[in-house]
N, C-alpha and C. Protein backbone atom coordinates (compact mmCIF):
# COMPACT_ATOMS: atom_id res chain seq x y z
N MET A 1 166.41 91.58 110.89
CA MET A 1 165.04 91.12 110.72
C MET A 1 164.47 90.70 112.06
N GLU A 2 163.24 91.12 112.31
CA GLU A 2 162.56 90.73 113.54
C GLU A 2 162.22 89.23 113.49
N LEU A 3 162.19 88.62 114.66
CA LEU A 3 161.96 87.19 114.76
C LEU A 3 160.65 86.77 114.07
N LEU A 4 159.56 87.50 114.34
CA LEU A 4 158.27 87.13 113.76
C LEU A 4 158.20 87.37 112.25
N GLU A 5 159.15 88.10 111.73
CA GLU A 5 159.17 88.36 110.29
C GLU A 5 159.99 87.33 109.52
N THR A 6 160.61 86.40 110.21
CA THR A 6 161.38 85.37 109.51
C THR A 6 160.42 84.47 108.73
N PRO A 7 160.89 83.89 107.65
CA PRO A 7 160.01 82.98 106.89
C PRO A 7 159.48 81.83 107.75
N GLU A 8 160.30 81.35 108.66
CA GLU A 8 159.87 80.24 109.52
C GLU A 8 158.69 80.64 110.40
N TYR A 9 158.78 81.81 111.01
CA TYR A 9 157.68 82.26 111.86
C TYR A 9 156.45 82.61 111.03
N GLN A 10 156.64 83.21 109.89
CA GLN A 10 155.50 83.53 109.04
C GLN A 10 154.74 82.26 108.66
N GLU A 11 155.48 81.22 108.30
CA GLU A 11 154.86 79.94 107.96
C GLU A 11 154.19 79.33 109.20
N ALA A 12 154.88 79.36 110.33
CA ALA A 12 154.33 78.77 111.56
C ALA A 12 153.05 79.46 111.99
N ILE A 13 153.01 80.78 111.91
CA ILE A 13 151.81 81.52 112.31
C ILE A 13 150.65 81.19 111.38
N ALA A 14 150.93 81.05 110.09
CA ALA A 14 149.88 80.65 109.14
C ALA A 14 149.35 79.26 109.50
N PHE A 15 150.24 78.33 109.80
CA PHE A 15 149.81 77.00 110.21
C PHE A 15 148.99 77.06 111.50
N TRP A 16 149.43 77.89 112.46
CA TRP A 16 148.71 78.02 113.74
C TRP A 16 147.27 78.46 113.46
N LYS A 17 147.11 79.46 112.62
CA LYS A 17 145.77 79.98 112.31
C LYS A 17 144.89 78.91 111.67
N GLU A 18 145.50 77.96 110.97
CA GLU A 18 144.75 76.86 110.34
C GLU A 18 144.53 75.69 111.28
N GLY A 19 145.11 75.76 112.49
CA GLY A 19 144.99 74.65 113.43
C GLY A 19 145.89 73.48 113.10
N ARG A 20 146.93 73.73 112.33
CA ARG A 20 147.88 72.69 111.92
C ARG A 20 149.10 72.76 112.84
N PHE A 21 148.93 72.25 114.06
CA PHE A 21 149.91 72.46 115.10
C PHE A 21 151.17 71.63 114.93
N TRP A 22 151.07 70.44 114.35
CA TRP A 22 152.28 69.67 114.09
C TRP A 22 153.17 70.42 113.09
N GLU A 23 152.54 71.04 112.11
CA GLU A 23 153.28 71.79 111.11
C GLU A 23 153.95 73.03 111.69
N VAL A 24 153.34 73.62 112.74
CA VAL A 24 153.97 74.74 113.44
C VAL A 24 155.33 74.29 113.97
N HIS A 25 155.33 73.16 114.62
CA HIS A 25 156.57 72.58 115.14
C HIS A 25 157.58 72.37 114.02
N GLU A 26 157.15 71.77 112.95
CA GLU A 26 158.04 71.47 111.83
C GLU A 26 158.62 72.75 111.21
N ALA A 27 157.80 73.80 111.12
CA ALA A 27 158.25 75.06 110.52
C ALA A 27 159.30 75.75 111.40
N LEU A 28 159.15 75.65 112.71
CA LEU A 28 160.03 76.39 113.62
C LEU A 28 161.29 75.64 114.03
N GLU A 29 161.28 74.33 113.95
CA GLU A 29 162.43 73.57 114.46
C GLU A 29 163.76 73.95 113.80
N PRO A 30 163.84 74.10 112.47
CA PRO A 30 165.13 74.48 111.89
C PRO A 30 165.63 75.84 112.40
N LEU A 31 164.73 76.78 112.58
CA LEU A 31 165.11 78.08 113.12
C LEU A 31 165.55 77.94 114.57
N TRP A 32 164.82 77.20 115.36
CA TRP A 32 165.15 76.98 116.77
C TRP A 32 166.57 76.47 116.92
N ARG A 33 166.97 75.58 116.05
CA ARG A 33 168.32 75.00 116.12
C ARG A 33 169.41 76.06 115.92
N ARG A 34 169.10 77.12 115.19
CA ARG A 34 170.07 78.18 114.90
C ARG A 34 170.06 79.31 115.93
N LEU A 35 169.03 79.38 116.74
CA LEU A 35 168.89 80.48 117.68
C LEU A 35 169.64 80.21 118.98
N SER A 36 169.79 81.28 119.77
CA SER A 36 170.35 81.16 121.11
C SER A 36 169.65 82.17 122.02
N GLY A 37 169.89 82.05 123.30
CA GLY A 37 169.35 83.00 124.26
C GLY A 37 167.84 83.03 124.32
N PRO A 38 167.28 84.21 124.62
CA PRO A 38 165.83 84.34 124.79
C PRO A 38 165.04 83.96 123.53
N GLU A 39 165.58 84.23 122.36
CA GLU A 39 164.86 83.87 121.13
C GLU A 39 164.72 82.36 121.01
N ARG A 40 165.74 81.64 121.44
CA ARG A 40 165.67 80.17 121.42
C ARG A 40 164.64 79.68 122.44
N GLU A 41 164.65 80.26 123.65
CA GLU A 41 163.68 79.87 124.68
C GLU A 41 162.25 80.15 124.21
N LEU A 42 162.03 81.31 123.63
CA LEU A 42 160.71 81.65 123.12
C LEU A 42 160.26 80.65 122.06
N THR A 43 161.14 80.38 121.12
CA THR A 43 160.79 79.46 120.03
C THR A 43 160.54 78.06 120.55
N GLN A 44 161.37 77.59 121.50
CA GLN A 44 161.15 76.28 122.10
C GLN A 44 159.80 76.24 122.82
N GLY A 45 159.47 77.30 123.53
CA GLY A 45 158.18 77.36 124.21
C GLY A 45 157.02 77.30 123.24
N ILE A 46 157.12 78.01 122.15
CA ILE A 46 156.04 78.00 121.14
C ILE A 46 155.94 76.62 120.49
N ILE A 47 157.08 76.01 120.20
CA ILE A 47 157.06 74.65 119.65
C ILE A 47 156.34 73.71 120.62
N LEU A 48 156.62 73.81 121.89
CA LEU A 48 155.98 72.94 122.88
C LEU A 48 154.50 73.25 123.05
N LEU A 49 154.12 74.52 122.95
CA LEU A 49 152.68 74.84 123.01
C LEU A 49 151.95 74.23 121.81
N ALA A 50 152.57 74.32 120.64
CA ALA A 50 151.97 73.71 119.45
C ALA A 50 151.90 72.19 119.62
N ALA A 51 152.96 71.60 120.17
CA ALA A 51 152.96 70.16 120.42
C ALA A 51 151.87 69.78 121.42
N ALA A 52 151.64 70.63 122.41
CA ALA A 52 150.57 70.37 123.39
C ALA A 52 149.22 70.31 122.70
N LEU A 53 148.97 71.25 121.81
CA LEU A 53 147.69 71.28 121.09
C LEU A 53 147.56 70.08 120.16
N HIS A 54 148.64 69.72 119.51
CA HIS A 54 148.61 68.55 118.62
C HIS A 54 148.35 67.27 119.43
N LYS A 55 149.09 67.10 120.50
CA LYS A 55 148.99 65.89 121.32
C LYS A 55 147.61 65.78 121.98
N ALA A 56 147.04 66.91 122.36
CA ALA A 56 145.76 66.91 123.07
C ALA A 56 144.64 66.31 122.23
N ARG A 57 144.81 66.29 120.93
CA ARG A 57 143.77 65.71 120.06
C ARG A 57 143.58 64.22 120.33
N THR A 58 144.65 63.54 120.71
CA THR A 58 144.55 62.10 120.94
C THR A 58 144.86 61.70 122.37
N HIS A 59 145.53 62.57 123.11
CA HIS A 59 145.94 62.22 124.46
C HIS A 59 145.99 63.50 125.32
N PRO A 60 144.86 63.87 125.93
CA PRO A 60 144.81 65.12 126.68
C PRO A 60 145.90 65.28 127.73
N GLN A 61 146.25 64.22 128.45
CA GLN A 61 147.30 64.34 129.47
C GLN A 61 148.64 64.68 128.83
N GLY A 62 148.91 64.13 127.67
CA GLY A 62 150.14 64.46 126.95
C GLY A 62 150.16 65.92 126.53
N GLY A 63 149.00 66.45 126.20
CA GLY A 63 148.90 67.87 125.88
C GLY A 63 149.27 68.72 127.06
N TRP A 64 148.76 68.37 128.23
CA TRP A 64 149.08 69.14 129.44
C TRP A 64 150.56 69.01 129.81
N ARG A 65 151.15 67.85 129.58
CA ARG A 65 152.59 67.69 129.87
C ARG A 65 153.42 68.62 129.00
N ASN A 66 153.11 68.68 127.70
CA ASN A 66 153.84 69.58 126.82
C ASN A 66 153.59 71.04 127.19
N TYR A 67 152.39 71.35 127.63
CA TYR A 67 152.07 72.70 128.09
C TYR A 67 152.98 73.09 129.26
N GLN A 68 153.12 72.19 130.22
CA GLN A 68 153.98 72.46 131.38
C GLN A 68 155.44 72.63 130.96
N LYS A 69 155.89 71.82 130.03
CA LYS A 69 157.26 71.97 129.52
C LYS A 69 157.45 73.33 128.86
N ALA A 70 156.44 73.77 128.13
CA ALA A 70 156.51 75.08 127.47
C ALA A 70 156.64 76.20 128.49
N LEU A 71 155.88 76.10 129.57
CA LEU A 71 155.93 77.14 130.61
C LEU A 71 157.34 77.28 131.18
N ALA A 72 158.05 76.17 131.31
CA ALA A 72 159.41 76.22 131.84
C ALA A 72 160.33 77.06 130.94
N HIS A 73 160.08 77.05 129.65
CA HIS A 73 160.89 77.84 128.72
C HIS A 73 160.44 79.30 128.66
N LEU A 74 159.18 79.54 128.93
CA LEU A 74 158.63 80.88 128.74
C LEU A 74 158.60 81.72 130.01
N GLU A 75 158.66 81.10 131.17
CA GLU A 75 158.45 81.82 132.42
C GLU A 75 159.50 82.89 132.72
N ALA A 76 160.71 82.75 132.23
CA ALA A 76 161.75 83.74 132.51
C ALA A 76 161.71 84.93 131.56
N LEU A 77 160.90 84.84 130.52
CA LEU A 77 160.82 85.91 129.53
C LEU A 77 159.82 86.97 129.97
N PRO A 78 159.98 88.20 129.51
CA PRO A 78 158.97 89.23 129.80
C PRO A 78 157.63 88.86 129.15
N SER A 79 156.58 89.53 129.53
CA SER A 79 155.25 89.19 129.01
C SER A 79 155.13 89.40 127.50
N VAL A 80 155.95 90.30 126.96
CA VAL A 80 156.02 90.48 125.51
C VAL A 80 157.49 90.39 125.13
N TRP A 81 157.80 89.48 124.22
CA TRP A 81 159.18 89.32 123.78
C TRP A 81 159.19 89.07 122.27
N ALA A 82 160.01 89.80 121.57
CA ALA A 82 160.17 89.64 120.12
C ALA A 82 158.83 89.77 119.40
N GLY A 83 157.94 90.59 119.95
CA GLY A 83 156.65 90.81 119.31
C GLY A 83 155.57 89.80 119.68
N VAL A 84 155.90 88.83 120.51
CA VAL A 84 154.93 87.81 120.92
C VAL A 84 154.38 88.17 122.30
N GLN A 85 153.08 88.22 122.40
CA GLN A 85 152.41 88.44 123.69
C GLN A 85 152.34 87.09 124.41
N ILE A 86 153.41 86.79 125.13
CA ILE A 86 153.58 85.46 125.70
C ILE A 86 152.46 85.10 126.66
N GLY A 87 152.11 86.01 127.55
CA GLY A 87 151.04 85.71 128.50
C GLY A 87 149.73 85.39 127.82
N HIS A 88 149.40 86.13 126.79
CA HIS A 88 148.16 85.86 126.05
C HIS A 88 148.24 84.53 125.30
N LEU A 89 149.40 84.23 124.74
CA LEU A 89 149.56 82.97 124.02
C LEU A 89 149.39 81.79 124.97
N VAL A 90 150.02 81.87 126.12
CA VAL A 90 149.88 80.79 127.12
C VAL A 90 148.43 80.64 127.53
N GLU A 91 147.75 81.75 127.75
CA GLU A 91 146.34 81.70 128.14
C GLU A 91 145.47 81.11 127.03
N GLU A 92 145.74 81.45 125.79
CA GLU A 92 144.99 80.89 124.66
C GLU A 92 145.12 79.36 124.63
N VAL A 93 146.33 78.87 124.81
CA VAL A 93 146.56 77.42 124.77
C VAL A 93 145.92 76.76 125.98
N ARG A 94 146.06 77.36 127.15
CA ARG A 94 145.43 76.80 128.35
C ARG A 94 143.92 76.67 128.16
N ARG A 95 143.32 77.72 127.63
CA ARG A 95 141.87 77.70 127.39
C ARG A 95 141.49 76.59 126.41
N ALA A 96 142.26 76.44 125.35
CA ALA A 96 141.98 75.39 124.37
C ALA A 96 142.09 74.01 125.00
N LEU A 97 143.12 73.80 125.80
CA LEU A 97 143.30 72.51 126.45
C LEU A 97 142.17 72.23 127.44
N GLN A 98 141.74 73.26 128.17
CA GLN A 98 140.66 73.07 129.15
C GLN A 98 139.34 72.73 128.48
N THR A 99 139.13 73.18 127.26
CA THR A 99 137.87 72.91 126.57
C THR A 99 137.94 71.68 125.67
N GLY A 100 139.02 70.92 125.79
CA GLY A 100 139.16 69.76 124.92
C GLY A 100 139.30 70.16 123.47
N LEU A 101 139.89 71.31 123.23
CA LEU A 101 140.13 71.91 121.91
C LEU A 101 138.86 72.41 121.24
N ALA A 102 137.78 72.56 122.03
CA ALA A 102 136.57 73.17 121.47
C ALA A 102 136.83 74.65 121.18
N TYR A 103 137.73 75.24 121.94
CA TYR A 103 138.15 76.62 121.70
C TYR A 103 139.39 76.60 120.81
N ARG A 104 139.38 77.41 119.76
CA ARG A 104 140.52 77.48 118.85
C ARG A 104 141.45 78.62 119.28
N PRO A 105 142.66 78.29 119.72
CA PRO A 105 143.55 79.33 120.24
C PRO A 105 144.10 80.24 119.13
N ARG A 106 144.13 81.52 119.44
CA ARG A 106 144.73 82.49 118.52
C ARG A 106 146.20 82.63 118.84
N PHE A 107 146.97 83.11 117.87
CA PHE A 107 148.38 83.41 118.10
C PHE A 107 148.50 84.92 118.24
N PRO A 108 148.50 85.42 119.48
CA PRO A 108 148.53 86.88 119.68
C PRO A 108 149.94 87.44 119.50
N SER A 109 150.08 88.31 118.55
CA SER A 109 151.39 88.95 118.33
C SER A 109 151.18 90.42 118.08
């Protein structure tokens, strides 16, 4: 089964589309614990991007800190990994953070 086709990712992507970023983290964490290698790094990066968006609602600097942590997990991966367009996802979150969440980030896959 492809990573994005797992029930955890399907649920997380649905939450992302609804702007429920804390729930994205909650949906992916059990899967993240079972993964290893690049799939684990990708999932950790996505969890941190979701945490950045969640945190930015009340503490913009905390959002940027989580964004930077996410980049550390994602930077070694190719621009597309396991069906996720990583560069576009990072750009979507950066744009949302820069606009104070006035822009709603898409999950490009």
